Structures are given as C-alpha cells and as structure tokens.
N, C-alpha and C. Protein backbone atom coordinates (compact mmCIF):
# COMPACT_ATOMS: atom_id res chain seq x y z
N MET A 1 18.41 -18.62 -8.39
CA MET A 1 18.39 -18.56 -6.93
C MET A 1 19.80 -19.16 -6.55
N GLU A 2 19.06 -19.23 -5.13
CA GLU A 2 20.19 -19.34 -4.66
C GLU A 2 20.19 -20.83 -4.09
N ALA A 3 21.44 -21.61 -3.73
CA ALA A 3 20.95 -23.18 -3.03
C ALA A 3 21.07 -22.75 -1.24
N ASP A 4 20.30 -23.88 -0.50
CA ASP A 4 20.01 -23.79 0.74
C ASP A 4 21.08 -24.84 1.11
N LEU A 5 21.42 -24.84 2.46
CA LEU A 5 22.61 -25.67 3.08
C LEU A 5 22.71 -26.85 1.96
N ASP A 6 21.09 -27.86 2.55
CA ASP A 6 21.00 -29.52 1.70
C ASP A 6 21.22 -29.21 0.11
N GLY A 7 21.45 -27.88 -0.24
CA GLY A 7 21.81 -27.87 -1.65
C GLY A 7 20.25 -27.73 -2.31
N ALA A 8 19.23 -27.56 -2.11
CA ALA A 8 18.02 -27.61 -2.54
C ALA A 8 18.11 -26.03 -2.55
N PRO A 9 16.84 -25.93 -3.95
CA PRO A 9 16.71 -24.46 -4.21
C PRO A 9 16.51 -23.57 -2.58
N GLY A 10 16.76 -22.20 -2.93
CA GLY A 10 15.95 -21.65 -1.43
C GLY A 10 15.65 -20.16 -2.11
N ARG A 11 15.39 -19.72 -1.03
CA ARG A 11 14.09 -18.71 -1.88
C ARG A 11 14.86 -17.29 -0.93
N ARG A 12 16.26 -17.35 -0.21
CA ARG A 12 16.39 -16.53 0.58
C ARG A 12 17.05 -15.36 -0.66
N ASP A 13 16.89 -14.97 -1.50
CA ASP A 13 17.02 -14.51 -2.48
C ASP A 13 16.17 -13.21 -2.78
N GLU A 14 14.94 -13.84 -2.12
CA GLU A 14 14.19 -12.66 -2.53
C GLU A 14 13.17 -12.20 -1.90
N GLN A 15 14.49 -11.87 -1.56
CA GLN A 15 13.84 -10.90 0.25
C GLN A 15 13.54 -9.92 0.03
N VAL A 16 12.73 -8.89 0.17
CA VAL A 16 12.42 -7.45 -0.68
C VAL A 16 12.12 -7.04 0.54
N TRP A 17 12.24 -5.31 0.46
CA TRP A 17 11.94 -4.45 1.42
C TRP A 17 10.80 -3.16 0.66
N GLY A 18 10.38 -2.55 1.76
CA GLY A 18 9.13 -1.98 1.51
C GLY A 18 9.53 -0.88 1.60
N PHE A 19 8.97 0.37 1.12
CA PHE A 19 9.25 2.43 1.03
C PHE A 19 9.22 3.11 2.14
N ALA A 20 9.21 3.52 2.61
CA ALA A 20 9.26 4.71 4.08
C ALA A 20 7.18 5.43 3.78
N PRO A 21 6.77 5.68 4.26
CA PRO A 21 5.48 6.09 4.21
C PRO A 21 5.76 7.77 3.85
N VAL A 22 5.00 8.11 2.69
CA VAL A 22 5.19 9.00 2.43
C VAL A 22 3.62 9.99 3.24
N ALA A 23 3.17 10.87 3.84
CA ALA A 23 2.71 11.46 4.53
C ALA A 23 3.05 12.79 5.18
N SER A 24 1.94 13.90 5.12
CA SER A 24 2.24 14.78 5.42
C SER A 24 1.84 14.96 7.23
N ALA A 25 2.26 16.15 7.67
CA ALA A 25 1.87 15.97 9.33
C ALA A 25 0.09 16.12 9.42
N GLY A 26 -0.68 16.41 8.49
CA GLY A 26 -2.00 16.84 8.64
C GLY A 26 -2.93 15.16 7.89
N ALA A 27 -2.10 14.16 7.72
CA ALA A 27 -2.31 13.13 6.71
C ALA A 27 -4.18 12.96 7.55
N ARG A 28 -5.03 12.35 6.73
CA ARG A 28 -6.38 11.91 7.86
C ARG A 28 -6.39 10.55 6.85
N VAL A 29 -5.86 10.19 6.09
CA VAL A 29 -6.16 8.86 5.01
C VAL A 29 -4.82 8.05 5.04
N LEU A 30 -4.61 6.94 5.43
CA LEU A 30 -3.53 6.12 4.72
C LEU A 30 -3.75 5.41 3.76
N VAL A 31 -3.71 5.25 2.32
CA VAL A 31 -3.70 3.83 1.83
C VAL A 31 -2.62 3.14 1.99
N LEU A 32 -3.18 1.35 2.66
CA LEU A 32 -1.97 1.27 2.66
C LEU A 32 -2.13 -0.42 1.50
N GLY A 33 -0.78 -0.36 0.44
CA GLY A 33 -1.08 -1.75 0.08
C GLY A 33 -0.06 -2.95 0.77
N SER A 34 0.29 -3.88 0.09
CA SER A 34 0.72 -5.26 1.04
C SER A 34 2.48 -4.81 0.80
N MET A 35 2.71 -4.96 -0.24
CA MET A 35 4.62 -4.89 -0.42
C MET A 35 4.36 -4.42 -2.03
N PRO A 36 5.37 -3.33 -2.14
CA PRO A 36 5.48 -2.61 -3.47
C PRO A 36 5.66 -4.02 -4.43
N GLY A 37 5.37 -4.17 -5.88
CA GLY A 37 6.19 -4.90 -6.58
C GLY A 37 7.09 -4.62 -7.33
N VAL A 38 7.73 -5.96 -7.92
CA VAL A 38 8.56 -5.56 -9.11
C VAL A 38 8.98 -4.19 -9.11
N ALA A 39 8.41 -3.86 -10.41
CA ALA A 39 7.81 -2.75 -10.80
C ALA A 39 8.23 -1.00 -10.17
N SER A 40 7.36 -1.64 -8.52
CA SER A 40 8.09 -0.06 -8.16
C SER A 40 9.02 -0.39 -7.15
N LEU A 41 9.82 -1.71 -7.09
CA LEU A 41 11.14 -1.51 -6.27
C LEU A 41 12.07 -1.60 -7.36
N ARG A 42 11.71 -1.49 -7.94
CA ARG A 42 12.95 -1.44 -9.50
C ARG A 42 13.21 0.17 -9.76
N GLN A 43 11.48 1.33 -9.62
CA GLN A 43 11.63 2.74 -10.12
C GLN A 43 11.47 3.31 -8.61
N VAL A 44 11.54 2.51 -7.15
CA VAL A 44 11.81 2.84 -6.21
C VAL A 44 10.55 4.28 -6.02
N GLN A 45 9.34 3.22 -6.63
CA GLN A 45 8.81 4.39 -6.37
C GLN A 45 6.75 3.86 -6.13
N TYR A 46 5.94 4.29 -5.58
CA TYR A 46 4.55 2.84 -5.04
C TYR A 46 3.66 3.86 -6.33
N TYR A 47 3.76 2.10 -6.98
CA TYR A 47 2.14 1.76 -7.53
C TYR A 47 3.44 2.08 -9.46
N ALA A 48 4.38 2.12 -9.34
CA ALA A 48 5.21 2.67 -10.35
C ALA A 48 4.57 1.37 -11.64
N HIS A 49 3.99 0.71 -11.70
CA HIS A 49 3.37 -0.76 -12.68
C HIS A 49 2.90 0.22 -13.87
N PRO A 50 3.19 0.59 -14.76
CA PRO A 50 1.84 1.30 -16.11
C PRO A 50 0.65 0.85 -16.10
N ARG A 51 0.30 -0.36 -15.48
CA ARG A 51 -1.26 -0.64 -15.29
C ARG A 51 -1.66 -0.52 -13.97
N ASN A 52 -1.20 -0.43 -13.34
CA ASN A 52 -1.89 -0.61 -11.35
C ASN A 52 -2.72 1.31 -12.03
N ALA A 53 -3.68 1.14 -11.63
CA ALA A 53 -4.94 1.67 -11.68
C ALA A 53 -4.41 3.26 -10.61
N PHE A 54 -3.91 3.19 -9.15
CA PHE A 54 -4.16 3.58 -8.43
C PHE A 54 -3.66 5.54 -9.00
N TRP A 55 -2.69 5.65 -9.25
CA TRP A 55 -2.04 6.58 -9.63
C TRP A 55 -3.52 7.21 -10.87
N PRO A 56 -3.93 6.61 -11.70
CA PRO A 56 -5.35 7.48 -12.17
C PRO A 56 -6.57 7.88 -11.21
N LEU A 57 -6.68 6.57 -10.96
CA LEU A 57 -7.66 6.72 -9.98
C LEU A 57 -7.63 8.08 -8.70
N ALA A 58 -6.69 7.62 -7.82
CA ALA A 58 -6.21 9.06 -6.85
C ALA A 58 -6.06 10.44 -7.35
N ALA A 59 -5.88 10.40 -8.93
CA ALA A 59 -5.64 11.58 -9.99
C ALA A 59 -6.95 12.08 -10.19
N ARG A 60 -8.07 10.73 -10.83
CA ARG A 60 -9.27 11.93 -11.23
C ARG A 60 -10.13 11.87 -10.11
N ILE A 61 -10.13 11.20 -8.90
CA ILE A 61 -10.78 11.81 -7.02
C ILE A 61 -10.48 13.13 -7.05
N LEU A 62 -8.62 13.32 -6.50
CA LEU A 62 -8.79 13.64 -6.34
C LEU A 62 -8.35 15.29 -6.45
N GLY A 63 -7.90 15.75 -7.66
CA GLY A 63 -8.58 16.68 -9.25
C GLY A 63 -6.87 17.42 -9.15
N PHE A 64 -5.88 15.90 -9.49
CA PHE A 64 -4.36 16.01 -9.64
C PHE A 64 -3.95 15.85 -11.33
N ASP A 65 -3.70 16.53 -12.21
CA ASP A 65 -3.00 15.46 -13.11
C ASP A 65 -2.03 14.30 -12.79
N PRO A 66 -2.42 13.53 -13.42
CA PRO A 66 -1.80 12.06 -13.94
C PRO A 66 -0.55 12.82 -14.01
N GLY A 67 -0.34 13.44 -15.15
CA GLY A 67 0.73 13.38 -16.13
C GLY A 67 1.88 13.74 -14.93
N LEU A 68 1.84 13.77 -14.14
CA LEU A 68 2.96 14.89 -13.15
C LEU A 68 3.76 13.86 -12.74
N ASP A 69 5.10 14.36 -12.73
CA ASP A 69 6.04 13.44 -12.48
C ASP A 69 5.59 12.99 -10.92
N TYR A 70 6.29 11.55 -10.29
CA TYR A 70 6.44 11.24 -9.36
C TYR A 70 6.31 11.88 -7.64
N ALA A 71 7.32 13.03 -7.78
CA ALA A 71 7.25 13.85 -6.60
C ALA A 71 6.03 14.48 -6.92
N GLY A 72 5.52 15.07 -8.05
CA GLY A 72 4.40 15.92 -7.57
C GLY A 72 3.23 15.29 -7.81
N ARG A 73 3.46 13.74 -8.01
CA ARG A 73 1.68 13.44 -7.68
C ARG A 73 1.98 12.93 -6.34
N LEU A 74 3.24 12.42 -5.43
CA LEU A 74 3.20 12.26 -4.20
C LEU A 74 2.65 14.65 -3.60
N LEU A 75 3.23 15.20 -4.38
CA LEU A 75 3.05 16.04 -2.95
C LEU A 75 1.17 16.36 -3.49
N ALA A 76 0.59 16.10 -4.44
CA ALA A 76 -0.63 15.95 -4.66
C ALA A 76 -1.33 15.54 -3.43
N LEU A 77 -0.63 13.89 -3.48
CA LEU A 77 -1.82 13.61 -2.20
C LEU A 77 -1.27 14.03 -0.73
N GLN A 78 -0.62 14.24 -0.68
CA GLN A 78 -0.34 14.98 0.96
C GLN A 78 -0.67 15.85 0.72
N SER A 79 -0.80 17.15 -0.14
CA SER A 79 -1.78 18.37 0.27
C SER A 79 -2.71 17.76 0.44
N ARG A 80 -3.05 16.89 -0.07
CA ARG A 80 -4.98 16.85 -0.12
C ARG A 80 -5.61 15.56 1.22
N GLY A 81 -4.17 15.74 1.95
CA GLY A 81 -4.25 14.45 3.03
C GLY A 81 -4.63 13.33 3.33
N VAL A 82 -3.92 12.53 2.14
CA VAL A 82 -3.80 11.44 1.39
C VAL A 82 -2.32 10.54 1.68
N ALA A 83 -1.80 9.84 2.86
CA ALA A 83 -0.67 9.27 2.87
C ALA A 83 -0.55 7.95 2.31
N LEU A 84 0.48 7.72 2.38
CA LEU A 84 1.22 6.09 1.48
C LEU A 84 2.48 5.62 2.27
N TRP A 85 1.47 3.85 2.56
CA TRP A 85 2.79 3.47 3.09
C TRP A 85 1.73 1.38 2.75
N ASP A 86 2.76 0.70 3.26
CA ASP A 86 2.94 -0.76 3.52
C ASP A 86 2.65 -1.32 4.34
N VAL A 87 1.44 -2.63 4.29
CA VAL A 87 1.61 -3.14 5.47
C VAL A 87 2.78 -3.76 5.92
N LEU A 88 3.75 -3.83 4.74
CA LEU A 88 4.98 -4.89 4.98
C LEU A 88 6.32 -4.00 5.26
N GLN A 89 7.35 -4.45 6.35
CA GLN A 89 8.72 -3.26 6.05
C GLN A 89 9.05 -4.76 4.66
N ALA A 90 9.36 -5.69 5.34
CA ALA A 90 10.17 -6.73 4.67
C ALA A 90 9.16 -8.16 4.30
N CYS A 91 9.79 -9.02 3.55
CA CYS A 91 9.20 -10.25 3.37
C CYS A 91 9.75 -10.99 2.31
N GLU A 92 9.38 -12.71 1.47
CA GLU A 92 10.60 -12.65 1.04
C GLU A 92 9.48 -12.98 -0.15
N ARG A 93 9.53 -12.92 -1.34
CA ARG A 93 8.49 -12.82 -2.58
C ARG A 93 9.30 -12.91 -3.77
N PRO A 94 9.32 -14.28 -4.67
CA PRO A 94 9.57 -14.04 -5.41
C PRO A 94 8.30 -13.16 -6.78
N GLY A 95 8.84 -12.18 -7.73
CA GLY A 95 7.49 -11.89 -8.59
C GLY A 95 7.36 -10.42 -7.98
N SER A 96 5.71 -11.07 -7.91
CA SER A 96 4.85 -9.52 -7.35
C SER A 96 3.78 -9.28 -6.81
N LEU A 97 3.26 -10.99 -6.44
CA LEU A 97 1.99 -11.60 -6.55
C LEU A 97 2.13 -11.98 -4.98
N ASP A 98 1.10 -10.93 -4.13
CA ASP A 98 0.82 -11.13 -3.01
C ASP A 98 0.60 -12.70 -2.56
N ALA A 99 0.31 -13.28 -3.08
CA ALA A 99 -0.23 -14.73 -3.24
C ALA A 99 0.99 -15.67 -3.50
N ASP A 100 2.60 -14.79 -3.96
CA ASP A 100 3.59 -15.76 -2.89
C ASP A 100 4.27 -15.08 -1.84
N ILE A 101 3.75 -14.22 -1.37
CA ILE A 101 4.91 -13.68 -0.54
C ILE A 101 4.36 -14.89 0.93
N ARG A 102 5.74 -15.53 1.41
CA ARG A 102 6.28 -17.07 1.56
C ARG A 102 6.01 -15.81 3.67
N ARG A 103 4.31 -16.44 4.01
CA ARG A 103 3.82 -16.43 5.65
C ARG A 103 5.04 -16.14 6.76
N ASP A 104 5.94 -16.95 7.14
CA ASP A 104 7.05 -17.68 7.54
C ASP A 104 7.99 -16.06 7.64
N SER A 105 8.01 -15.20 6.21
CA SER A 105 8.82 -13.96 6.46
C SER A 105 8.45 -12.91 6.30
N LEU A 106 7.03 -12.87 7.09
CA LEU A 106 6.89 -11.13 7.33
C LEU A 106 6.92 -10.32 8.37
N VAL A 107 7.53 -8.94 7.73
CA VAL A 107 7.80 -7.85 8.92
C VAL A 107 6.90 -7.28 9.43
N PRO A 108 6.03 -6.98 9.30
CA PRO A 108 5.65 -5.49 9.38
C PRO A 108 5.99 -4.43 9.78
N ASN A 109 5.35 -3.40 9.75
CA ASN A 109 5.79 -1.81 9.60
C ASN A 109 5.36 -1.65 10.65
N ASP A 110 5.90 -0.17 10.98
CA ASP A 110 5.82 0.22 12.88
C ASP A 110 4.62 0.98 12.92
N PHE A 111 3.59 0.41 12.83
CA PHE A 111 1.92 1.28 12.69
C PHE A 111 1.77 1.99 14.04
N ARG A 112 2.47 1.54 15.63
CA ARG A 112 1.99 1.98 16.32
C ARG A 112 2.68 3.86 16.40
N ALA A 113 4.09 3.86 16.22
CA ALA A 113 5.26 4.82 16.28
C ALA A 113 4.53 6.27 14.93
N PHE A 114 3.97 5.51 14.14
CA PHE A 114 3.35 5.95 12.22
C PHE A 114 1.66 6.45 13.02
N LEU A 115 1.50 6.32 13.95
CA LEU A 115 0.40 6.36 14.44
C LEU A 115 0.33 7.63 15.50
N ASP A 116 0.59 7.09 16.33
CA ASP A 116 1.33 8.74 17.31
C ASP A 116 1.59 9.52 16.58
N SER A 117 2.49 9.36 15.82
CA SER A 117 3.34 10.69 14.81
C SER A 117 2.25 11.21 14.07
N HIS A 118 1.66 10.10 13.13
CA HIS A 118 0.52 11.00 12.44
C HIS A 118 -1.14 11.06 13.23
N PRO A 119 -1.46 12.03 14.34
CA PRO A 119 -2.69 11.76 15.16
C PRO A 119 -3.95 11.72 14.81
N SER A 120 -4.05 12.79 13.41
CA SER A 120 -4.70 12.64 12.51
C SER A 120 -5.30 11.88 11.34
N ILE A 121 -5.10 10.91 11.26
CA ILE A 121 -4.84 9.97 10.53
C ILE A 121 -6.70 9.08 11.06
N VAL A 122 -7.86 8.83 10.71
CA VAL A 122 -9.12 8.57 10.92
C VAL A 122 -9.17 7.44 9.87
N ARG A 123 -8.43 7.22 8.71
CA ARG A 123 -9.06 6.29 7.77
C ARG A 123 -7.99 5.53 7.13
N VAL A 124 -8.17 3.93 7.66
CA VAL A 124 -6.92 3.07 6.81
C VAL A 124 -7.76 2.71 5.57
N CYS A 125 -7.11 2.97 4.60
CA CYS A 125 -8.08 2.02 2.95
C CYS A 125 -6.17 0.61 2.89
N PHE A 126 -6.97 -0.42 2.75
CA PHE A 126 -6.90 -1.16 1.94
C PHE A 126 -6.72 -1.40 0.73
N ASN A 127 -5.16 -1.44 0.02
CA ASN A 127 -5.35 -1.25 -1.33
C ASN A 127 -5.49 -3.12 -1.86
N GLY A 128 -6.59 -3.91 -1.94
CA GLY A 128 -6.85 -5.12 -1.94
C GLY A 128 -6.85 -5.72 -0.82
N ALA A 129 -7.72 -6.94 -0.83
CA ALA A 129 -8.05 -7.67 0.82
C ALA A 129 -6.83 -8.14 1.43
N LYS A 130 -5.20 -8.52 -0.12
CA LYS A 130 -4.51 -8.64 1.14
C LYS A 130 -3.53 -7.98 2.00
N ALA A 131 -3.98 -6.59 2.01
CA ALA A 131 -2.85 -6.10 2.53
C ALA A 131 -4.34 -5.91 3.78
N ALA A 132 -5.66 -6.06 3.54
CA ALA A 132 -6.11 -5.91 4.50
C ALA A 132 -6.30 -7.53 5.42
N ALA A 133 -6.03 -8.48 5.67
CA ALA A 133 -5.61 -9.45 6.23
C ALA A 133 -4.51 -9.40 7.19
N MET A 134 -3.23 -9.62 6.03
CA MET A 134 -2.35 -9.26 6.74
C MET A 134 -2.42 -7.97 8.09
N TYR A 135 -3.04 -6.84 7.75
CA TYR A 135 -3.05 -6.33 8.44
C TYR A 135 -3.54 -6.48 9.83
N ARG A 136 -4.58 -6.49 9.47
CA ARG A 136 -6.40 -8.09 10.89
C ARG A 136 -5.48 -8.97 11.55
N ARG A 137 -3.91 -9.57 11.07
CA ARG A 137 -3.48 -10.78 11.52
C ARG A 137 -2.11 -10.40 12.12
N HIS A 138 -1.16 -9.01 11.36
CA HIS A 138 -0.13 -8.95 11.77
C HIS A 138 0.01 -7.57 12.84
N VAL A 139 -0.75 -6.61 12.40
CA VAL A 139 -0.95 -4.94 13.21
C VAL A 139 -1.70 -5.21 14.11
N LEU A 140 -2.98 -4.77 13.73
CA LEU A 140 -4.22 -4.82 14.35
C LEU A 140 -4.29 -5.45 15.96
N PRO A 141 -3.98 -6.46 16.65
CA PRO A 141 -3.79 -6.96 17.64
C PRO A 141 -2.76 -5.58 18.68
N GLY A 142 -1.67 -5.78 17.92
CA GLY A 142 -1.06 -4.14 18.23
C GLY A 142 -1.06 -2.48 19.20
N LEU A 143 -2.90 -2.80 18.19
CA LEU A 143 -3.23 -1.01 18.28
C LEU A 143 -4.27 -1.12 18.28
N ALA A 144 -4.75 -2.44 19.68
CA ALA A 144 -6.12 -2.02 20.44
C ALA A 144 -5.86 -0.52 21.01
N GLY A 145 -7.31 -0.09 20.55
CA GLY A 145 -8.04 1.41 21.27
C GLY A 145 -7.50 2.15 20.06
N ALA A 146 -7.07 1.99 19.14
CA ALA A 146 -6.77 2.58 18.54
C ALA A 146 -8.54 3.27 17.35
N PRO A 147 -9.08 4.37 17.55
CA PRO A 147 -9.75 4.80 17.07
C PRO A 147 -9.80 4.75 15.54
N LEU A 148 -9.88 3.82 14.39
CA LEU A 148 -9.66 3.82 13.26
C LEU A 148 -10.68 3.33 12.59
N GLN A 149 -11.22 3.80 10.84
CA GLN A 149 -12.01 3.92 10.42
C GLN A 149 -11.40 2.61 9.05
N TYR A 150 -11.85 1.36 9.32
CA TYR A 150 -10.91 0.94 7.99
C TYR A 150 -11.89 0.13 7.29
N VAL A 151 -11.45 0.98 5.74
CA VAL A 151 -12.06 0.46 4.53
C VAL A 151 -11.16 0.04 3.55
N GLU A 152 -11.81 -1.76 3.35
CA GLU A 152 -10.69 -3.08 2.24
C GLU A 152 -11.93 -2.27 0.84
N LEU A 153 -10.58 -1.83 -0.10
CA LEU A 153 -10.91 -1.80 -1.52
C LEU A 153 -10.54 -2.44 -2.39
N PRO A 154 -11.24 -2.64 -3.73
CA PRO A 154 -10.84 -3.45 -4.63
C PRO A 154 -9.14 -3.03 -5.13
N SER A 155 -8.63 -3.87 -4.98
CA SER A 155 -6.84 -3.93 -5.69
C SER A 155 -6.76 -3.44 -6.88
N THR A 156 -5.24 -2.20 -6.82
CA THR A 156 -5.38 -1.26 -8.07
C THR A 156 -4.92 -2.36 -8.99
N SER A 157 -3.62 -3.09 -8.73
CA SER A 157 -2.88 -4.33 -9.56
C SER A 157 -3.89 -4.35 -10.75
N PRO A 158 -2.29 -4.82 -11.46
CA PRO A 158 -3.25 -4.61 -12.98
C PRO A 158 -3.51 -6.37 -13.19
N ALA A 159 -3.26 -6.75 -11.89
CA ALA A 159 -3.94 -8.89 -11.40
C ALA A 159 -4.56 -8.52 -11.17
N HIS A 160 -5.85 -7.48 -10.63
CA HIS A 160 -6.53 -7.89 -10.73
C HIS A 160 -7.78 -6.84 -11.54
N ALA A 161 -7.59 -7.76 -12.06
CA ALA A 161 -8.70 -7.37 -13.31
C ALA A 161 -10.29 -7.83 -12.94
N ALA A 162 -10.60 -8.46 -12.10
CA ALA A 162 -12.58 -8.77 -12.17
C ALA A 162 -13.28 -7.50 -11.82
N ALA A 163 -12.35 -6.21 -11.28
CA ALA A 163 -13.22 -5.16 -11.41
C ALA A 163 -13.32 -4.55 -12.26
N SER A 164 -14.33 -3.66 -12.81
CA SER A 164 -13.13 -2.74 -14.26
C SER A 164 -13.03 -1.29 -13.34
N PHE A 165 -12.68 -0.29 -14.25
CA PHE A 165 -11.58 0.85 -13.78
C PHE A 165 -12.89 2.19 -12.92
N ASP A 166 -14.27 1.68 -13.84
CA ASP A 166 -15.35 2.86 -13.66
C ASP A 166 -15.69 2.01 -11.44
N GLN A 167 -15.76 0.59 -11.21
CA GLN A 167 -16.19 -0.12 -10.69
C GLN A 167 -15.22 0.61 -9.33
N LYS A 168 -13.38 0.42 -10.16
CA LYS A 168 -12.71 0.65 -8.77
C LYS A 168 -12.94 2.48 -8.16
N LEU A 169 -13.27 3.22 -9.10
CA LEU A 169 -13.36 4.31 -9.45
C LEU A 169 -14.54 4.68 -7.65
N ALA A 170 -15.65 3.99 -8.43
CA ALA A 170 -17.30 4.43 -7.52
C ALA A 170 -16.42 3.54 -6.39
N ALA A 171 -15.58 2.21 -5.75
CA ALA A 171 -14.85 2.13 -4.07
C ALA A 171 -14.46 3.19 -4.00
N TRP A 172 -12.98 3.39 -4.64
CA TRP A 172 -12.61 4.65 -4.28
C TRP A 172 -12.55 5.87 -3.97
N GLU A 173 -13.66 5.98 -4.71
CA GLU A 173 -13.38 8.41 -4.37
C GLU A 173 -14.01 8.18 -2.93
N PRO A 174 -15.35 7.38 -2.40
CA PRO A 174 -15.85 7.99 -0.68
C PRO A 174 -14.22 6.88 -0.33
N ALA A 175 -13.60 6.83 -0.58
CA ALA A 175 -13.05 6.20 0.71
C ALA A 175 -11.30 7.75 0.68
N LEU A 176 -11.36 7.58 -0.41
CA LEU A 176 -10.60 8.87 -0.07
C LEU A 176 -11.44 10.57 -0.18
N THR A 177 -11.84 10.89 0.41
CA THR A 177 -12.67 12.19 -0.71
C THR A 177 -12.90 12.68 1.34
N ILE A 178 -12.55 12.13 1.85
CA ILE A 178 -12.28 12.22 3.31
C ILE A 178 -10.93 13.25 3.82
N ALA A 179 -10.17 12.96 2.62
CA ALA A 179 -9.16 13.80 3.47
C ALA A 179 -9.57 15.83 2.64
N ASP A 180 -10.37 15.21 1.85
CA ASP A 180 -11.25 17.25 1.70
C ASP A 180 -11.80 17.54 2.27
N ARG A 181 -12.20 17.10 3.28
CA ARG A 181 -13.17 17.58 4.30
C ARG A 181 -12.96 18.68 5.15
C-alpha cells in the first residue's frame, strides 16, 4: 500500500475501473452490477469468479450452454436482448466487496448517453442491493423522465450466500425473460 503525503497508509493504489457495456442495438434488459470484483478485473470478464452464479443462472433462464467460452456467453446474452454493465465506471476499493467501496471515490457510468443509444431498453435489473442503491443515489436523479422498469435482484456474488441458487433463479427468471417477448 502506498503512503499518503503525511506518511499514513493510503488507498490510492486501490483505484479500479470497470468495463465497457456489452449490449446489442436491440437490448431490452440491462443487468447492472456495482463494479467488477478482483477475479473479473484480472480476467477482464464480467462475473468471472468461478462461484458467481450469474452465468449459470443466465444460461438456465435464457437457454444457452453455460460451458460456452466467454465470447459465446456474451453473444448468447446479446441475442436474447440482455445487456451487461455496472453502475460505476471507477472507484477506490480494496478487494471485491461492495461494502469496501469508498463513497467519496464513486464515478458513475454515463447512463444518459447509454440509454439514448439503446432506446429499446425497458427494464434495468440490479445484481444486488448495493448496485440498486448506488444507481438510485448517483444516476437516477440525472435520468428524470426515463420510462424504465427497475428490478432489484439478489446478488449472484458468492459473498451473498443468504439465498440459494433456486431462490436466486426464482427471482432472476421473470426479470430476464422480458428479453424473449
């Protein structure tokens, strides 16, 4: 860890940057996390932690092989009208936990521009309570009048063990299936 100017341990070396959105022109559902975790950042892939339930849930709900390579999984989502992104473009956070994100370091993504270029999106699904709370506080005030449906879902993170896979599946299935309509 670097030292601040006064010699105390600093946190500036914990700046993390998210990924570009993954979205087709006809996307109808946008799934938002807060910020990729360490495993995802290292692999430059959304939901890369091997115990994260996102890909198994999405594969089961949308009917694709969860064993596809990353590019294949992204194409499967896009072909079914599902887009991926994160609420934050950047922040300071040691490790992967949302609870460790420094509140004074948040840089939200540009949702106005994204939604303007993806007008078919009708539903925004939050992968966990922290993503929903950050969006409400840092993004929603700038989107006044955007006719979107918002759904807060249980986190697919392995840190969120309060809900079983089947409970997560029951919550996620109706949220994602609008893409098939």
